[in-house]
């Protein structure tokens, strides 16, 4: 009986594995350029770690089991609790602010669908120890660099909000269940409007006020330009918006001012329907969406100023985001930006006769040690078949060993884009790479 990957899991044969590796290489390099350093965490943690952060609800998604020591453990469903645990252990030794990025394989027992598998990679960016909106601006700037370097320039935009402003809107419209209100608003763009109004009513908002709030959100459309947040908040102040909510609006204005100075205003909008459903977010929340209009989220995140304390660390302001590999791949494929696979091979060394293979292999070894990617035939194929293989590997050039017209002590270099040939000295091969 043939075996297949389990439901919700994927194989990545060539060229997909190479393409994924290339995208991650670009993202890792961009994070380092932005001053973030890499953190690696385990794939299995104590299940209590996730219960502490997310409550018992995480049990419906986590892959849990009892280990041989009788301890309840889980395959990691997200990276943030592990990051919080590591920082809590090291807090006294870490100079602030800490800027970490992680690339972690994670698992959630969810219904598979486009952009969602049960095993996936998350690319996280986090800043710990900085309370001001300067941290939000740095994080979103780094996220923009990471996405741009991955190939997504022009394909996405950020939607940002503040939980204090969102809470104030809930109070203004009569919500008696703040978390129920957040869950309702979090589903605004995902459910029919009647279902949305029903969720508002369940959060304590009267029918007429629910309709009024739905109309307000409809007026937002796909988001408000960053220079429009002041007008939006002023209008709500006129209706009775309270001071804590106004403070949230002011934080957003300051953040948008910083992003504008950084040249990112064209890819950020204010969206009061972005609240992020998780209870641990404390202030700024944001998501990245495809500009195609399909509503697909590329990443989500926000400020979580009390989480480190929950894990036994000192009071530490923190903010982070997580980019999922599946939604990013869809975004890049739909935008025609997905890499072809592995980077092109630098040099393919062709042996005209099987007797020349040893020399071809020696040249390959020299080139590799000189920093050039290189390969040669292992199947004793004809010269024409070897050149076809070089083309398939997108090689920049071929070095041909054993051609009769080759001058003594030389090999023939063929430019595979133009077909031009020249003789180069055998002892200069590594320098010619």
Protein backbone atom coordinates (compact mmCIF):
# COMPACT_ATOMS: atom_id res chain seq x y z
CA UNK A 1 0.00 0.00 0.00
CA UNK A 2 1.52 3.38 -0.94
CA UNK A 3 2.05 5.82 1.93
CA UNK A 4 1.03 9.46 1.69
CA UNK A 5 1.59 12.50 3.85
CA UNK A 6 -1.02 12.81 6.57
CA UNK A 7 -3.97 15.13 6.05
CA UNK A 8 -2.98 18.68 6.77
CA UNK A 9 0.73 18.00 6.16
CA UNK A 10 2.73 18.70 3.00
CA UNK A 11 5.80 17.39 1.25
CA UNK A 12 8.06 19.95 -0.41
CA UNK A 13 10.03 18.19 -3.17
CA UNK A 14 12.29 20.18 -5.52
CA UNK A 15 11.86 22.85 -6.71
CA UNK A 16 9.42 23.87 -3.93
CA UNK A 17 11.83 23.08 -1.09
CA UNK A 18 14.51 25.19 -2.73
CA UNK A 19 12.09 28.05 -3.31
CA UNK A 20 11.01 27.98 0.33
CA UNK A 21 14.62 27.92 1.44
CA UNK A 22 15.39 30.92 -0.76
CA UNK A 23 12.46 32.92 0.63
CA UNK A 24 13.51 32.14 4.20
CA UNK A 25 17.11 33.07 3.39
CA UNK A 26 15.96 36.48 2.19
CA UNK A 27 13.73 36.97 5.25
CA UNK A 28 16.46 35.94 7.68
CA UNK A 29 18.95 38.33 6.03
CA UNK A 30 16.41 41.19 6.14
CA UNK A 31 15.71 40.64 9.85
CA UNK A 32 19.42 40.78 10.60
CA UNK A 33 19.76 43.99 8.56
CA UNK A 34 17.04 45.45 10.78
CA UNK A 35 19.05 44.63 13.92
CA UNK A 36 17.18 41.50 15.02
CA UNK A 37 19.13 38.46 16.21
CA UNK A 38 18.01 34.87 15.89
CA UNK A 39 16.50 32.81 18.68
CA UNK A 40 15.86 29.07 18.33
CA UNK A 41 13.40 27.27 20.61
CA UNK A 42 12.35 23.61 21.03
CA UNK A 43 9.61 21.91 19.01
CA UNK A 44 8.08 20.35 22.15
CA UNK A 45 7.17 22.23 25.32
CA UNK A 46 5.21 21.61 28.50
CA UNK A 47 1.50 21.87 27.69
CA UNK A 48 1.11 24.08 30.77
CA UNK A 49 3.10 26.75 28.96
CA UNK A 50 0.23 27.26 26.52
CA UNK A 51 -2.50 26.91 29.12
CA UNK A 52 -0.83 29.71 31.07
CA UNK A 53 -0.96 32.04 28.06
CA UNK A 54 -4.16 31.01 26.30
CA UNK A 55 -6.25 29.08 28.83
CA UNK A 56 -7.88 25.72 28.24
CA UNK A 57 -9.10 26.70 24.77
CA UNK A 58 -5.67 25.92 23.34
CA UNK A 59 -6.35 22.21 23.98
CA UNK A 60 -8.65 22.10 20.94
CA UNK A 61 -5.78 23.03 18.60
CA UNK A 62 -2.61 21.75 20.24
CA UNK A 63 -1.10 18.37 19.41
CA UNK A 64 -0.77 17.07 22.96
CA UNK A 65 0.50 13.82 24.41
CA UNK A 66 1.96 12.40 27.61
CA UNK A 67 5.69 11.75 27.47
CA UNK A 68 7.45 8.74 29.00
CA UNK A 69 7.85 10.65 32.25
CA UNK A 70 4.08 11.12 32.51
CA UNK A 71 4.23 14.85 31.75
CA UNK A 72 1.65 16.56 29.51
CA UNK A 73 3.55 18.07 26.57
CA UNK A 74 2.65 19.60 23.22
CA UNK A 75 4.11 20.12 19.80
CA UNK A 76 4.67 23.88 19.67
CA UNK A 77 1.50 25.61 18.31
CA UNK A 78 3.08 29.09 18.46
CA UNK A 79 6.44 30.58 19.38
CA UNK A 80 5.57 33.47 21.71
CA UNK A 81 5.22 31.39 24.93
CA UNK A 82 8.63 29.80 24.31
CA UNK A 83 10.13 33.24 23.67
CA UNK A 84 8.57 34.55 26.89
CA UNK A 85 9.94 31.58 28.82
CA UNK A 86 13.46 32.11 27.45
CA UNK A 87 13.41 35.83 28.17
CA UNK A 88 12.06 35.32 31.71
CA UNK A 89 15.01 33.00 32.39
CA UNK A 90 17.54 35.48 30.95
CA UNK A 91 15.95 38.83 31.81
CA UNK A 92 18.66 39.94 34.25
CA UNK A 93 21.41 39.28 31.70
CA UNK A 94 19.77 40.72 28.58
CA UNK A 95 20.46 44.39 27.75
CA UNK A 96 17.29 46.11 26.61
CA UNK A 97 15.70 46.39 24.19
CA UNK A 98 15.88 42.81 22.99
CA UNK A 99 15.13 42.33 19.29
CA UNK A 100 14.71 38.67 18.39
CA UNK A 101 13.50 36.78 15.34
CA UNK A 102 12.58 33.11 15.22
CA UNK A 103 11.83 30.64 12.44
CA UNK A 104 9.91 27.77 14.00
CA UNK A 105 7.99 24.78 12.75
CA UNK A 106 4.62 24.76 14.53
CA UNK A 107 1.59 22.48 14.70
CA UNK A 108 -2.13 23.08 15.20
CA UNK A 109 -4.93 20.59 14.83
CA UNK A 110 -7.15 22.75 12.60
CA UNK A 111 -9.30 22.02 9.57
CA UNK A 112 -6.94 22.19 6.58
CA UNK A 113 -7.77 24.76 3.89
CA UNK A 114 -6.00 27.08 1.49
CA UNK A 115 -3.30 28.88 3.46
CA UNK A 116 -3.74 26.70 6.54
CA UNK A 117 -2.10 23.35 7.18
CA UNK A 118 -1.61 21.46 10.42
CA UNK A 119 2.17 21.82 10.22
CA UNK A 120 3.59 25.17 9.19
CA UNK A 121 6.45 27.59 9.67
CA UNK A 122 6.17 30.89 11.49
CA UNK A 123 8.63 33.74 11.08
CA UNK A 124 8.39 35.86 14.24
CA UNK A 125 9.77 39.32 14.98
CA UNK A 126 9.66 40.54 18.61
CA UNK A 127 10.91 43.52 20.60
CA UNK A 128 11.08 43.33 24.39
CA UNK A 129 11.82 46.19 26.77
CA UNK A 130 10.58 49.20 24.74
CA UNK A 131 7.24 50.75 25.76
CA UNK A 132 6.89 53.58 23.25
CA UNK A 133 5.41 53.51 19.76
CA UNK A 134 8.97 53.73 18.47
CA UNK A 135 9.04 49.96 18.98
CA UNK A 136 5.88 49.50 16.89
CA UNK A 137 7.39 51.64 14.13
CA UNK A 138 10.64 49.63 14.20
CA UNK A 139 8.77 46.32 14.16
CA UNK A 140 6.50 47.28 11.25
CA UNK A 141 9.45 48.76 9.38
CA UNK A 142 11.34 45.50 9.84
CA UNK A 143 8.26 43.52 8.75
CA UNK A 144 8.01 45.65 5.61
CA UNK A 145 11.68 45.00 4.84
CA UNK A 146 11.25 41.26 5.43
CA UNK A 147 8.20 41.05 3.16
CA UNK A 148 9.78 43.22 0.48
CA UNK A 149 12.96 41.15 0.45
CA UNK A 150 10.86 37.99 0.24
CA UNK A 151 9.42 39.40 -3.00
CA UNK A 152 6.11 40.89 -1.83
CA UNK A 153 6.76 44.55 -2.71
CA UNK A 154 3.41 46.17 -3.52
CA UNK A 155 1.37 43.06 -2.73
CA UNK A 156 0.35 43.83 0.88
CA UNK A 157 -0.60 46.56 3.28
CA UNK A 158 -0.78 46.90 7.06
CA UNK A 159 -3.98 47.55 9.01
CA UNK A 160 -3.44 48.91 12.52
CA UNK A 161 -5.60 49.72 15.51
CA UNK A 162 -5.27 50.15 19.28
CA UNK A 163 -7.03 47.94 21.80
CA UNK A 164 -7.73 50.90 24.12
CA UNK A 165 -9.53 52.67 21.29
CA UNK A 166 -11.40 49.47 20.43
CA UNK A 167 -12.43 48.96 24.07
CA UNK A 168 -13.65 52.55 24.19
CA UNK A 169 -15.75 52.03 21.06
CA UNK A 170 -17.29 48.99 22.74
CA UNK A 171 -18.15 51.02 25.85
CA UNK A 172 -19.49 53.86 23.71
CA UNK A 173 -21.93 51.52 21.97
CA UNK A 174 -22.95 49.72 25.15
CA UNK A 175 -20.96 46.47 25.17
CA UNK A 176 -21.13 44.70 28.54
CA UNK A 177 -18.81 41.81 27.60
CA UNK A 178 -15.48 43.29 26.41
CA UNK A 179 -13.98 40.00 25.21
CA UNK A 180 -17.25 39.05 23.52
CA UNK A 181 -17.13 42.45 21.80
CA UNK A 182 -13.57 41.80 20.64
CA UNK A 183 -14.55 38.40 19.27
CA UNK A 184 -17.46 39.99 17.42
CA UNK A 185 -15.31 42.74 15.89
CA UNK A 186 -12.55 40.26 15.04
CA UNK A 187 -15.10 38.39 12.92
CA UNK A 188 -16.48 41.47 11.17
CA UNK A 189 -14.76 40.81 7.83
CA UNK A 190 -15.20 37.04 8.07
CA UNK A 191 -18.95 36.59 8.67
CA UNK A 192 -22.19 37.92 7.13
CA UNK A 193 -23.32 41.24 8.60
CA UNK A 194 -26.37 39.72 10.26
CA UNK A 195 -24.10 37.28 12.10
CA UNK A 196 -21.87 40.21 13.08
CA UNK A 197 -24.81 42.14 14.51
CA UNK A 198 -25.90 39.03 16.35
CA UNK A 199 -22.45 38.73 17.93
CA UNK A 200 -22.64 42.39 18.97
CA UNK A 201 -26.00 41.76 20.61
CA UNK A 202 -24.50 38.78 22.45
CA UNK A 203 -21.83 41.17 23.77
CA UNK A 204 -24.57 43.37 25.27
CA UNK A 205 -25.11 45.94 22.50
CA UNK A 206 -28.72 46.88 21.78
CA UNK A 207 -30.15 46.29 18.29
CA UNK A 208 -30.22 49.96 17.26
CA UNK A 209 -26.69 50.55 18.51
CA UNK A 210 -25.47 47.36 16.80
CA UNK A 211 -26.83 48.66 13.50
CA UNK A 212 -25.18 52.02 14.14
CA UNK A 213 -21.83 50.36 14.79
CA UNK A 214 -22.18 48.16 11.72
CA UNK A 215 -22.82 51.28 9.65
CA UNK A 216 -19.72 52.92 11.15
CA UNK A 217 -17.58 49.92 10.18
CA UNK A 218 -19.08 49.85 6.68
CA UNK A 219 -17.99 53.46 6.26
CA UNK A 220 -14.39 52.42 6.99
CA UNK A 221 -14.31 50.27 3.86
CA UNK A 222 -10.92 48.63 3.44
CA UNK A 223 -9.27 51.08 5.83
CA UNK A 224 -8.73 54.77 6.55
CA UNK A 225 -5.55 56.53 5.37
CA UNK A 226 -3.20 57.27 8.25
CA UNK A 227 -3.96 60.98 8.15
CA UNK A 228 -7.65 60.22 8.73
CA UNK A 229 -7.40 58.69 12.21
CA UNK A 230 -7.67 62.10 13.89
CA UNK A 231 -10.96 62.85 12.15
CA UNK A 232 -12.34 59.41 12.98
CA UNK A 233 -11.52 59.80 16.68
CA UNK A 234 -12.84 63.39 16.82
CA UNK A 235 -16.16 62.21 15.43
CA UNK A 236 -16.39 59.57 18.16
CA UNK A 237 -15.35 62.07 20.83
CA UNK A 238 -18.36 64.11 19.76
CA UNK A 239 -20.51 61.04 20.47
CA UNK A 240 -18.97 60.57 23.92
CA UNK A 241 -15.76 58.56 23.45
CA UNK A 242 -13.93 58.44 26.80
CA UNK A 243 -10.39 59.53 27.70
CA UNK A 244 -8.68 56.07 27.74
CA UNK A 245 -9.96 55.44 24.23
CA UNK A 246 -8.78 58.85 23.07
CA UNK A 247 -5.32 57.99 24.43
CA UNK A 248 -5.33 54.91 22.21
CA UNK A 249 -6.14 57.10 19.24
CA UNK A 250 -3.27 59.43 20.12
CA UNK A 251 -0.86 56.49 20.24
CA UNK A 252 -1.98 55.52 16.75
CA UNK A 253 -1.47 59.06 15.47
CA UNK A 254 2.07 59.07 16.89
CA UNK A 255 2.78 55.67 15.34
CA UNK A 256 1.46 56.73 11.95
CA UNK A 257 3.59 59.89 12.14
CA UNK A 258 6.71 57.76 12.63
CA UNK A 259 5.75 55.40 9.82
CA UNK A 260 5.16 58.37 7.54
CA UNK A 261 8.62 59.74 8.30
CA UNK A 262 10.01 56.31 7.46
CA UNK A 263 8.32 56.33 4.06
CA UNK A 264 5.77 53.63 4.93
CA UNK A 265 2.55 55.66 5.02
CA UNK A 266 1.48 54.35 1.62
CA UNK A 267 1.28 50.78 2.90
CA UNK A 268 -0.48 51.40 6.24
CA UNK A 269 -4.14 52.12 7.00
CA UNK A 270 -6.10 52.62 10.20
CA UNK A 271 -8.75 49.94 10.62
CA UNK A 272 -10.95 49.93 13.75
CA UNK A 273 -12.14 46.42 12.89
CA UNK A 274 -8.68 44.98 13.60
CA UNK A 275 -8.65 43.93 17.26
CA UNK A 276 -6.96 40.49 17.27
CA UNK A 277 -9.02 38.01 19.26
CA UNK A 278 -6.35 37.02 21.78
CA UNK A 279 -6.83 38.41 25.28
CA UNK A 280 -3.15 39.10 25.99
CA UNK A 281 -2.82 42.01 23.55
CA UNK A 282 -2.66 45.26 25.51
CA UNK A 283 -2.46 48.17 23.06
CA UNK A 284 -1.43 48.39 19.41
CA UNK A 285 -2.61 45.55 17.17
CA UNK A 286 -1.97 45.10 13.47
CA UNK A 287 -2.26 42.71 10.57
CA UNK A 288 -0.90 42.55 7.04
CA UNK A 289 -3.36 41.82 4.24
CA UNK A 290 -3.09 41.06 0.57
CA UNK A 291 -3.88 44.10 -1.59
CA UNK A 292 -5.80 41.79 -3.94
CA UNK A 293 -8.87 42.31 -1.77
CA UNK A 294 -9.44 38.68 -0.83
CA UNK A 295 -9.13 39.53 2.88
CA UNK A 296 -6.36 37.00 3.49
CA UNK A 297 -4.11 37.90 6.44
CA UNK A 298 -0.38 37.54 5.83
CA UNK A 299 0.61 38.19 9.44
CA UNK A 300 -0.82 39.37 12.73
CA UNK A 301 0.59 40.77 15.92
CA UNK A 302 0.50 43.46 18.55
CA UNK A 303 1.69 44.68 21.91
CA UNK A 304 1.65 42.20 24.82
CA UNK A 305 3.02 44.16 27.78
CA UNK A 306 2.06 41.72 30.59
CA UNK A 307 3.01 38.33 29.14
CA UNK A 308 6.59 38.20 30.45
CA UNK A 309 5.33 38.69 34.02
CA UNK A 310 2.93 35.79 33.49
CA UNK A 311 5.96 33.56 32.86
CA UNK A 312 7.79 34.70 35.99
CA UNK A 313 9.86 37.49 34.46
CA UNK A 314 10.00 41.17 35.45
CA UNK A 315 7.46 43.68 34.08
CA UNK A 316 8.57 44.02 30.46
CA UNK A 317 6.80 45.81 27.62
CA UNK A 318 6.81 43.65 24.51
CA UNK A 319 5.51 43.61 20.97
CA UNK A 320 5.68 41.06 18.17
CA UNK A 321 4.23 39.58 15.02
CA UNK A 322 4.19 36.24 13.23
CA UNK A 323 4.31 35.68 9.45
CA UNK A 324 2.90 32.34 8.30
CA UNK A 325 4.68 30.49 5.50
CA UNK A 326 1.47 29.25 3.84
CA UNK A 327 -0.22 32.62 3.38
CA UNK A 328 3.05 34.22 2.31
CA UNK A 329 3.54 31.53 -0.32
CA UNK A 330 0.03 32.12 -1.68
CA UNK A 331 0.68 35.88 -1.79
CA UNK A 332 3.96 35.45 -3.67
CA UNK A 333 2.59 32.85 -6.08
CA UNK A 334 -0.47 34.94 -6.95
CA UNK A 335 1.78 37.95 -7.47
CA UNK A 336 4.16 36.00 -9.74
CA UNK A 337 6.99 36.43 -7.22
CA UNK A 338 7.58 32.84 -6.11
CA UNK A 339 11.23 31.81 -6.75
CA UNK A 340 11.98 29.17 -9.36
CA UNK A 341 13.62 26.93 -6.78
CA UNK A 342 17.21 26.60 -5.72
CA UNK A 343 19.44 29.48 -6.85
CA UNK A 344 21.03 28.89 -10.28
CA UNK A 345 24.14 26.73 -10.36
CA UNK A 346 27.28 28.77 -10.98
CA UNK A 347 29.30 26.32 -13.08
CA UNK A 348 28.57 22.94 -14.66
CA UNK A 349 31.73 21.04 -15.58
CA UNK A 350 31.33 18.87 -18.69
CA UNK A 351 33.53 15.83 -19.33
CA UNK A 352 33.62 15.07 -23.09
CA UNK A 353 34.77 11.49 -22.44
CA UNK A 354 34.14 9.35 -19.33
CA UNK A 355 37.92 9.19 -18.98
CA UNK A 356 37.85 12.95 -18.25
CA UNK A 357 35.50 12.57 -15.28
CA UNK A 358 38.27 12.58 -12.66
CA UNK A 359 39.58 15.91 -13.97
CA UNK A 360 36.03 17.33 -14.12
CA UNK A 361 35.42 16.26 -10.51
CA UNK A 362 38.69 17.85 -9.42
CA UNK A 363 37.68 21.16 -11.02
CA UNK A 364 34.29 20.97 -9.29
CA UNK A 365 36.01 20.54 -5.92
CA UNK A 366 38.31 23.52 -6.56
CA UNK A 367 35.39 25.73 -7.54
CA UNK A 368 33.33 24.76 -4.51
CA UNK A 369 36.19 25.56 -2.18
CA UNK A 370 36.66 28.89 -3.95
CA UNK A 371 33.03 29.78 -3.17
CA UNK A 372 31.42 28.91 -6.51
CA UNK A 373 28.47 26.52 -6.73
CA UNK A 374 29.52 23.78 -9.13
CA UNK A 375 28.58 20.28 -10.23
CA UNK A 376 29.32 17.70 -12.91
CA UNK A 377 27.77 14.63 -14.49
CA UNK A 378 27.76 11.32 -12.60
CA UNK A 379 26.07 9.18 -15.29
CA UNK A 380 28.64 9.21 -18.14
CA UNK A 381 26.19 11.02 -20.43
CA UNK A 382 27.07 12.54 -23.77
CA UNK A 383 28.36 16.09 -24.01
CA UNK A 384 25.04 17.33 -25.44
CA UNK A 385 23.08 15.70 -22.59
CA UNK A 386 25.43 17.27 -20.05
CA UNK A 387 24.91 20.71 -21.59
CA UNK A 388 21.15 20.20 -21.43
CA UNK A 389 21.53 19.36 -17.76
CA UNK A 390 23.56 22.54 -17.27
CA UNK A 391 20.75 24.54 -18.88
CA UNK A 392 18.15 22.82 -16.70
CA UNK A 393 20.16 23.81 -13.63
CA UNK A 394 20.23 27.40 -14.95
CA UNK A 395 24.01 27.39 -14.82
CA UNK A 396 25.81 30.59 -15.68
CA UNK A 397 28.54 28.77 -17.58
CA UNK A 398 29.95 25.38 -18.53
CA UNK A 399 33.58 24.38 -18.29
CA UNK A 400 34.28 21.70 -20.91
CA UNK A 401 37.10 19.24 -20.27
CA UNK A 402 38.54 17.14 -23.11
CA UNK A 403 37.58 19.01 -26.30
CA UNK A 404 40.11 18.21 -29.02
CA UNK A 405 40.63 21.87 -29.97
CA UNK A 406 41.47 22.88 -26.37
CA UNK A 407 44.98 24.40 -26.02
CA UNK A 408 47.38 22.49 -23.76
CA UNK A 409 46.89 23.20 -20.05
CA UNK A 410 43.48 24.81 -20.61
CA UNK A 411 39.74 24.12 -20.51
CA UNK A 412 36.95 25.65 -22.57
CA UNK A 413 34.54 28.05 -20.88
CA UNK A 414 31.13 28.42 -22.54
CA UNK A 415 28.76 31.24 -21.56
CA UNK A 416 25.42 29.43 -21.48
CA UNK A 417 23.43 32.62 -22.07
CA UNK A 418 25.27 33.74 -25.22
CA UNK A 419 27.07 30.58 -26.38
CA UNK A 420 30.38 32.46 -26.50
CA UNK A 421 33.45 30.33 -25.77
CA UNK A 422 37.01 30.99 -24.70
CA UNK A 423 39.96 28.98 -23.43
CA UNK A 424 41.10 29.60 -19.86
CA UNK A 425 44.19 28.19 -18.15
CA UNK A 426 43.47 25.13 -16.05
CA UNK A 427 45.32 26.61 -13.06
CA UNK A 428 43.19 29.78 -13.31
CA UNK A 429 39.84 28.00 -13.14
CA UNK A 430 39.15 28.79 -9.47
CA UNK A 431 40.07 32.45 -9.97
CA UNK A 432 37.72 32.72 -12.97
CA UNK A 433 34.60 31.88 -10.93
